[in-house]
């Protein structure tokens, strides 16, 4: 198996005035491809901070983060954004769907952002909605979907860039 995620001596501190708050301190973690991992802990223990670092949304105070062998700290902000779009999918507790767009359009958005042709992006979005059992809800806006369906659309959006082009 190969490493999907490798963190070495990962640390993150926040500075407010002359007060430093250390959230992570020297974390070492390796997650193999195909391995499932749950991050659990009490409120404020650093779960979200870790996920932001591991997802290339934030930079650590020190240490290294490798995703599929790529040291994301060596990438520019723009390169990290492209890398996230191509390799990482996020599903938040709150779905963060764009309310003015249909379910299909929400799912297609990462593909459009990376430059796919609109027609191809919509075909892939429809196929992914089919895979999560929501194809019949593709033309509905988030306000017309149940909370469970909204999460399903968010899952489809997170996975759509991993799908083979239609």
Protein backbone atom coordinates (compact mmCIF):
# COMPACT_ATOMS: atom_id res chain seq x y z
CA UNK A 1 0.00 0.00 0.00
CA UNK A 2 1.14 3.56 -0.56
CA UNK A 3 0.71 6.59 1.63
CA UNK A 4 -2.30 8.79 0.97
CA UNK A 5 -1.38 11.18 3.80
CA UNK A 6 1.81 11.53 5.77
CA UNK A 7 2.30 14.18 8.45
CA UNK A 8 5.70 14.57 10.06
CA UNK A 9 6.22 16.62 13.23
CA UNK A 10 3.13 18.69 12.37
CA UNK A 11 2.62 21.67 14.66
CA UNK A 12 0.25 24.62 14.59
CA UNK A 13 0.15 27.60 16.91
CA UNK A 14 -1.96 30.72 16.87
CA UNK A 15 -0.68 34.05 18.14
CA UNK A 16 -2.99 36.64 19.66
CA UNK A 17 -1.00 39.56 21.00
CA UNK A 18 1.69 38.08 23.22
CA UNK A 19 -0.31 34.90 23.88
CA UNK A 20 0.59 31.82 21.85
CA UNK A 21 -1.86 28.93 21.72
CA UNK A 22 -0.33 25.66 20.57
CA UNK A 23 -3.05 23.52 18.98
CA UNK A 24 -0.96 20.71 17.48
CA UNK A 25 2.53 19.81 18.66
CA UNK A 26 4.70 17.37 16.73
CA UNK A 27 1.98 15.15 15.26
CA UNK A 28 3.20 12.17 13.24
CA UNK A 29 0.57 10.31 11.23
CA UNK A 30 0.48 8.10 8.16
CA UNK A 31 -2.71 7.05 6.41
CA UNK A 32 -2.38 4.41 3.70
CA UNK A 33 -4.46 4.54 0.51
CA UNK A 34 -7.76 2.75 1.14
CA UNK A 35 -7.45 3.06 4.92
CA UNK A 36 -10.33 4.64 6.84
CA UNK A 37 -9.63 6.97 9.72
CA UNK A 38 -11.84 8.75 12.25
CA UNK A 39 -10.63 11.90 13.96
CA UNK A 40 -12.38 12.15 17.33
CA UNK A 41 -11.89 14.30 20.40
CA UNK A 42 -13.41 16.93 22.59
CA UNK A 43 -14.33 20.39 21.37
CA UNK A 44 -11.28 22.59 20.85
CA UNK A 45 -8.72 19.77 20.84
CA UNK A 46 -7.47 20.50 17.29
CA UNK A 47 -9.55 18.22 15.04
CA UNK A 48 -10.57 20.97 12.62
CA UNK A 49 -7.08 22.50 12.69
CA UNK A 50 -5.60 19.13 11.76
CA UNK A 51 -8.11 18.62 8.94
CA UNK A 52 -7.40 22.09 7.56
CA UNK A 53 -3.68 21.30 7.53
CA UNK A 54 -4.15 17.80 6.08
CA UNK A 55 -6.53 19.20 3.45
CA UNK A 56 -4.09 21.90 2.30
CA UNK A 57 -6.43 24.68 3.47
CA UNK A 58 -3.95 26.05 6.01
CA UNK A 59 -0.20 25.87 6.58
CA UNK A 60 1.41 24.48 9.72
CA UNK A 61 3.70 26.46 11.99
CA UNK A 62 6.21 23.65 11.49
CA UNK A 63 6.39 20.13 10.15
CA UNK A 64 5.50 18.57 6.83
CA UNK A 65 2.34 17.34 5.08
CA UNK A 66 2.55 14.92 2.16
CA UNK A 67 -0.55 14.00 0.18
CA UNK A 68 -0.04 11.18 -2.32
CA UNK A 69 3.71 11.81 -2.00
CA UNK A 70 3.48 15.55 -2.72
CA UNK A 71 4.82 17.90 -0.05
CA UNK A 72 2.02 20.46 -0.12
CA UNK A 73 4.17 23.00 1.73
CA UNK A 74 6.40 23.36 -1.31
CA UNK A 75 3.45 24.46 -3.45
CA UNK A 76 2.45 28.08 -3.98
CA UNK A 77 -1.02 29.20 -2.87
CA UNK A 78 -2.27 28.83 -6.45
CA UNK A 79 -0.68 25.39 -6.84
CA UNK A 80 -2.23 24.26 -3.53
CA UNK A 81 -5.65 25.44 -4.75
CA UNK A 82 -5.27 23.43 -7.96
CA UNK A 83 -3.98 20.43 -5.98
CA UNK A 84 -7.01 20.58 -3.63
CA UNK A 85 -9.36 20.75 -6.60
CA UNK A 86 -7.77 17.72 -8.23
CA UNK A 87 -7.02 15.52 -5.22
CA UNK A 88 -9.10 16.43 -2.17
CA UNK A 89 -12.84 16.44 -1.51
CA UNK A 90 -14.38 18.08 1.54
CA UNK A 91 -17.66 17.22 3.21
CA UNK A 92 -18.47 19.58 6.05
CA UNK A 93 -21.02 19.19 8.82
CA UNK A 94 -22.87 22.03 7.11
CA UNK A 95 -23.12 21.23 3.40
CA UNK A 96 -22.07 24.67 2.04
CA UNK A 97 -24.13 24.24 -1.11
CA UNK A 98 -24.74 27.29 -3.24
CA UNK A 99 -28.44 27.97 -2.81
CA UNK A 100 -28.94 29.69 -6.18
CA UNK A 101 -27.79 26.60 -8.11
CA UNK A 102 -29.43 23.21 -8.66
CA UNK A 103 -28.04 20.02 -7.14
CA UNK A 104 -26.47 19.15 -10.52
CA UNK A 105 -24.86 22.57 -10.79
CA UNK A 106 -23.49 22.33 -7.24
CA UNK A 107 -21.95 18.94 -8.02
CA UNK A 108 -20.52 20.19 -11.33
CA UNK A 109 -18.89 23.25 -9.73
CA UNK A 110 -15.47 21.68 -8.91
CA UNK A 111 -15.26 20.40 -12.49
CA UNK A 112 -16.10 23.80 -13.93
CA UNK A 113 -13.54 25.42 -11.62
CA UNK A 114 -10.84 23.11 -12.93
CA UNK A 115 -11.77 24.03 -16.50
CA UNK A 116 -13.89 21.11 -17.71
CA UNK A 117 -16.36 21.87 -20.50
CA UNK A 118 -19.80 22.69 -19.05
CA UNK A 119 -21.50 19.87 -20.98
CA UNK A 120 -18.97 17.31 -19.71
CA UNK A 121 -19.16 18.67 -16.16
CA UNK A 122 -22.95 18.34 -16.11
CA UNK A 123 -22.79 14.78 -17.46
CA UNK A 124 -20.34 13.82 -14.72
CA UNK A 125 -22.45 15.59 -12.09
CA UNK A 126 -25.54 13.64 -13.20
CA UNK A 127 -23.59 10.38 -13.10
CA UNK A 128 -22.29 11.10 -9.60
CA UNK A 129 -25.76 12.05 -8.35
CA UNK A 130 -26.92 8.70 -9.76
CA UNK A 131 -24.19 6.95 -7.76
CA UNK A 132 -25.36 8.54 -4.49
CA UNK A 133 -29.02 7.86 -5.30
CA UNK A 134 -30.05 11.45 -5.97
CA UNK A 135 -30.28 11.66 -9.76
CA UNK A 136 -34.02 12.30 -9.47
CA UNK A 137 -33.28 15.41 -7.37
CA UNK A 138 -30.71 16.91 -9.75
CA UNK A 139 -32.82 19.87 -10.86
CA UNK A 140 -33.86 20.82 -7.33
CA UNK A 141 -32.23 23.71 -5.52
CA UNK A 142 -30.90 23.03 -2.01
CA UNK A 143 -33.88 24.81 -0.42
CA UNK A 144 -36.14 22.10 -1.91
CA UNK A 145 -34.00 19.23 -0.57
CA UNK A 146 -34.08 17.51 2.80
CA UNK A 147 -31.04 17.78 5.07
CA UNK A 148 -30.05 14.22 4.17
CA UNK A 149 -30.35 14.96 0.45
CA UNK A 150 -28.26 18.11 0.87
CA UNK A 151 -25.52 16.05 2.51
CA UNK A 152 -25.79 13.56 -0.36
CA UNK A 153 -25.27 16.37 -2.86
CA UNK A 154 -22.26 17.56 -0.83
CA UNK A 155 -20.84 14.01 -0.91
CA UNK A 156 -21.38 13.83 -4.68
CA UNK A 157 -19.62 17.19 -5.07
CA UNK A 158 -16.67 15.97 -2.98
CA UNK A 159 -16.33 12.80 -5.06
CA UNK A 160 -17.04 14.08 -8.57
CA UNK A 161 -13.43 14.99 -9.40
CA UNK A 162 -12.37 11.39 -8.66
CA UNK A 163 -14.77 9.97 -11.24
CA UNK A 164 -13.64 8.98 -14.71
CA UNK A 165 -14.81 11.46 -17.36
CA UNK A 166 -18.06 10.45 -19.04
